Protein backbone atom coordinates (compact mmCIF):
# COMPACT_ATOMS: atom_id res chain seq x y z
CA UNK A 1 -8.21 -3.44 -12.81
CA UNK A 2 -7.67 -4.23 -9.14
CA UNK A 3 -4.70 -5.92 -8.03
CA UNK A 4 -5.56 -7.25 -4.07
CA UNK A 5 -3.29 -6.83 -2.07
CA UNK A 6 -3.66 -7.90 1.88
CA UNK A 7 -0.56 -5.77 3.01
CA UNK A 8 -1.57 -2.84 1.59
CA UNK A 9 -5.40 -3.22 1.19
CA UNK A 10 -6.64 -5.44 3.71
CA UNK A 11 -9.99 -3.86 3.22
CA UNK A 12 -10.47 -5.76 -0.78
CA UNK A 13 -14.40 -5.19 0.06
CA UNK A 14 -14.10 -1.03 0.46
CA UNK A 15 -12.12 -0.47 -2.72
CA UNK A 16 -14.00 -2.63 -4.95
CA UNK A 17 -16.89 -0.78 -3.95
CA UNK A 18 -15.58 2.58 -5.26
CA UNK A 19 -14.54 1.04 -8.54
CA UNK A 20 -16.08 2.71 -11.63
CA UNK A 21 -17.85 0.55 -14.00
CA UNK A 22 -16.43 -1.61 -16.56
CA UNK A 23 -13.50 -2.34 -14.10
CA UNK A 24 -11.66 -5.41 -12.98
CA UNK A 25 -10.32 -6.44 -9.18
CA UNK A 26 -7.22 -9.24 -9.43
CA UNK A 27 -7.79 -10.85 -6.86
CA UNK A 28 -4.77 -12.76 -5.74
CA UNK A 29 -5.48 -15.05 -2.72
CA UNK A 30 -1.75 -15.56 -1.89
CA UNK A 31 -3.14 -19.28 0.30
CA UNK A 32 -5.75 -17.32 2.25
CA UNK A 33 -8.00 -20.38 5.20
CA UNK A 34 -11.51 -18.36 3.22
CA UNK A 35 -10.26 -16.95 -0.32
CA UNK A 36 -13.48 -19.16 -1.33
CA UNK A 37 -15.78 -16.99 0.57
CA UNK A 38 -13.83 -13.89 -0.93
CA UNK A 39 -13.71 -14.79 -4.22
CA UNK A 40 -18.00 -15.31 -3.63
CA UNK A 41 -18.01 -12.20 -1.87
CA UNK A 42 -15.98 -10.23 -4.32
CA UNK A 43 -18.29 -11.90 -7.22
CA UNK A 44 -21.18 -10.70 -6.12
CA UNK A 45 -19.80 -7.04 -5.26
CA UNK A 46 -18.17 -7.32 -9.15
CA UNK A 47 -21.96 -8.23 -11.06
CA UNK A 48 -23.88 -5.35 -8.99
CA UNK A 49 -21.16 -2.74 -9.97
CA UNK A 50 -20.20 -3.74 -13.50
CA UNK A 51 -17.47 -4.91 -12.68
CA UNK A 52 -14.68 -8.37 -14.03
CA UNK A 53 -13.26 -10.90 -11.10
CA UNK A 54 -9.86 -12.35 -12.35
CA UNK A 55 -8.54 -14.86 -9.86
CA UNK A 56 -4.61 -14.84 -9.52
CA UNK A 57 -2.92 -18.17 -10.59
CA UNK A 58 -5.49 -20.32 -9.71
CA UNK A 59 -8.40 -21.44 -11.99
CA UNK A 60 -10.14 -24.13 -9.84
CA UNK A 61 -10.60 -21.59 -7.93
CA UNK A 62 -12.34 -19.40 -10.33
CA UNK A 63 -14.03 -22.05 -11.76
CA UNK A 64 -15.29 -22.87 -7.97
CA UNK A 65 -16.55 -18.89 -8.54
CA UNK A 66 -17.59 -18.36 -11.29
CA UNK A 67 -15.61 -15.83 -11.83
CA UNK A 68 -15.00 -13.30 -15.36
CA UNK A 69 -11.54 -15.06 -15.40
CA UNK A 70 -7.72 -15.63 -14.28
CA UNK A 71 -4.36 -13.76 -14.20
CA UNK A 72 -1.64 -15.97 -14.73
CA UNK A 73 1.80 -14.23 -13.38
CA UNK A 74 4.38 -14.94 -15.13
CA UNK A 75 5.82 -18.16 -14.90
CA UNK A 76 2.14 -19.69 -15.42
CA UNK A 77 2.04 -17.68 -18.84
CA UNK A 78 2.90 -21.26 -20.94
CA UNK A 79 -0.85 -22.07 -19.32
CA UNK A 80 -2.94 -19.33 -21.58
CA UNK A 81 -4.96 -21.21 -23.74
CA UNK A 82 -5.62 -24.35 -22.06
CA UNK A 83 -6.68 -21.84 -18.98
CA UNK A 84 -9.40 -20.62 -21.92
CA UNK A 85 -12.87 -20.76 -21.33
CA UNK A 86 -15.68 -19.79 -24.35
CA UNK A 87 -16.07 -17.02 -21.60
CA UNK A 88 -13.20 -16.18 -19.48
CA UNK A 89 -10.79 -13.85 -19.71
CA UNK A 90 -7.44 -15.04 -20.09
CA UNK A 91 -4.72 -11.94 -18.33
CA UNK A 92 -0.75 -12.93 -18.02
CA UNK A 93 2.47 -10.35 -16.95
CA UNK A 94 4.78 -9.61 -17.97
CA UNK A 95 7.68 -7.82 -17.30
CA UNK A 96 9.81 -7.58 -20.32
CA UNK A 97 8.49 -7.85 -24.05
CA UNK A 98 9.87 -11.29 -24.89
CA UNK A 99 7.74 -12.33 -22.64
CA UNK A 100 4.72 -10.73 -23.00
CA UNK A 101 4.56 -12.13 -26.67
CA UNK A 102 4.93 -15.22 -25.37
CA UNK A 103 2.53 -14.71 -22.90
CA UNK A 104 -0.20 -13.57 -26.34
CA UNK A 105 1.05 -15.98 -27.81
CA UNK A 106 0.09 -18.18 -25.69
CA UNK A 107 -3.12 -17.68 -26.11
CA UNK A 108 -3.30 -14.81 -23.53
CA UNK A 109 -5.98 -11.65 -23.63
CA UNK A 110 -3.83 -8.90 -22.17
CA UNK A 111 -1.02 -8.86 -20.86
CA UNK A 112 -0.36 -6.90 -17.83
CA UNK A 113 3.14 -4.57 -17.43
CA UNK A 114 5.24 -4.04 -14.97
CA UNK A 115 6.49 -1.61 -13.10
CA UNK A 116 6.05 1.12 -14.61
CA UNK A 117 6.96 3.81 -12.60
CA UNK A 118 8.84 3.00 -8.52
CA UNK A 119 6.37 1.44 -6.63
CA UNK A 120 6.82 -0.81 -2.93
CA UNK A 121 5.28 -3.64 -4.08
CA UNK A 122 7.29 -6.59 -3.79
CA UNK A 123 7.24 -7.63 -6.89
CA UNK A 124 8.21 -4.82 -8.40
CA UNK A 125 11.54 -4.61 -10.69
CA UNK A 126 13.16 -1.56 -12.28
CA UNK A 127 10.20 -0.01 -13.67
CA UNK A 128 10.01 1.25 -17.04
CA UNK A 129 8.75 4.16 -17.08
CA UNK A 130 7.23 5.10 -20.06
CA UNK A 131 8.72 5.45 -23.32
CA UNK A 132 10.29 1.92 -22.44
CA UNK A 133 6.01 0.45 -21.98
CA UNK A 134 4.70 2.84 -25.59
CA UNK A 135 8.57 1.06 -26.84
CA UNK A 136 7.39 -2.34 -25.71
CA UNK A 137 3.51 -2.34 -26.42
CA UNK A 138 4.09 -1.61 -30.09
CA UNK A 139 6.42 -4.14 -30.06
CA UNK A 140 4.14 -6.70 -28.33
CA UNK A 141 0.96 -5.75 -31.05
CA UNK A 142 -1.80 -7.03 -28.36
CA UNK A 143 -3.34 -5.06 -25.22
CA UNK A 144 -0.92 -4.16 -22.92
CA UNK A 145 -2.34 -2.87 -19.78
CA UNK A 146 -0.09 -0.77 -17.50
CA UNK A 147 0.85 -1.96 -13.61
CA UNK A 148 3.10 -0.60 -10.54
CA UNK A 149 3.32 2.24 -9.55
CA UNK A 150 0.05 3.67 -11.39
CA UNK A 151 -2.00 6.48 -9.92
CA UNK A 152 -3.60 9.61 -10.41
CA UNK A 153 -0.71 11.93 -10.54
CA UNK A 154 1.73 8.69 -12.48
CA UNK A 155 -0.83 8.16 -15.02
CA UNK A 156 -0.81 11.47 -16.74
CA UNK A 157 2.61 10.67 -17.83
CA UNK A 158 0.98 7.95 -19.50
CA UNK A 159 -0.14 10.43 -22.07
CA UNK A 160 2.42 12.00 -24.00
CA UNK A 161 3.75 8.54 -24.49
CA UNK A 162 -0.01 7.78 -26.44
CA UNK A 163 -0.72 4.46 -23.86
CA UNK A 164 -4.26 6.93 -23.48
CA UNK A 165 -6.39 3.93 -21.32
CA UNK A 166 -3.22 1.47 -20.39
CA UNK A 167 -3.39 2.75 -17.54
CA UNK A 168 -4.03 0.28 -14.66
CA UNK A 169 -4.56 1.39 -11.28
CA UNK A 170 -2.16 -0.43 -8.23
CA UNK A 171 -4.13 0.09 -5.35
CA UNK A 172 -7.30 2.12 -4.81
CA UNK A 173 -6.54 4.07 -1.35
CA UNK A 174 -9.62 3.10 1.34
């Protein structure tokens, strides 16, 4: 999963073109005036490369552009079931096991837990680390992706915790 961030990844289209087939782009518009235009360009890239496009916190934008789904911040997780459409993927952010269970119970298809490792993201809290993440995954009992400080080096630290395949790369460096 690639979470866009205009400050840390200014050329999100170039980053999207580098993603491996099967990856997901979570486009977070943050109120950008050109959000719909940007989302449509990302969807075109996603379709051409076998990627998914989820729109962060904006179901109306997701519907207008024909995105594959939405990603909800933790505070909006209760809306997951309402947003599910037959073909939409709905993910929700969580910063604790309780929030992760709440998101899944509300209808999210998967949870994105953060922060796992130290991160420069403004929303990153105290890192959970791989062992606490493993306990959270077992307690939640649903699909979980790791976010926050996850990169080529730190993702390897998830392997001993039995979290193979759960690492979401926070950002691609262009």
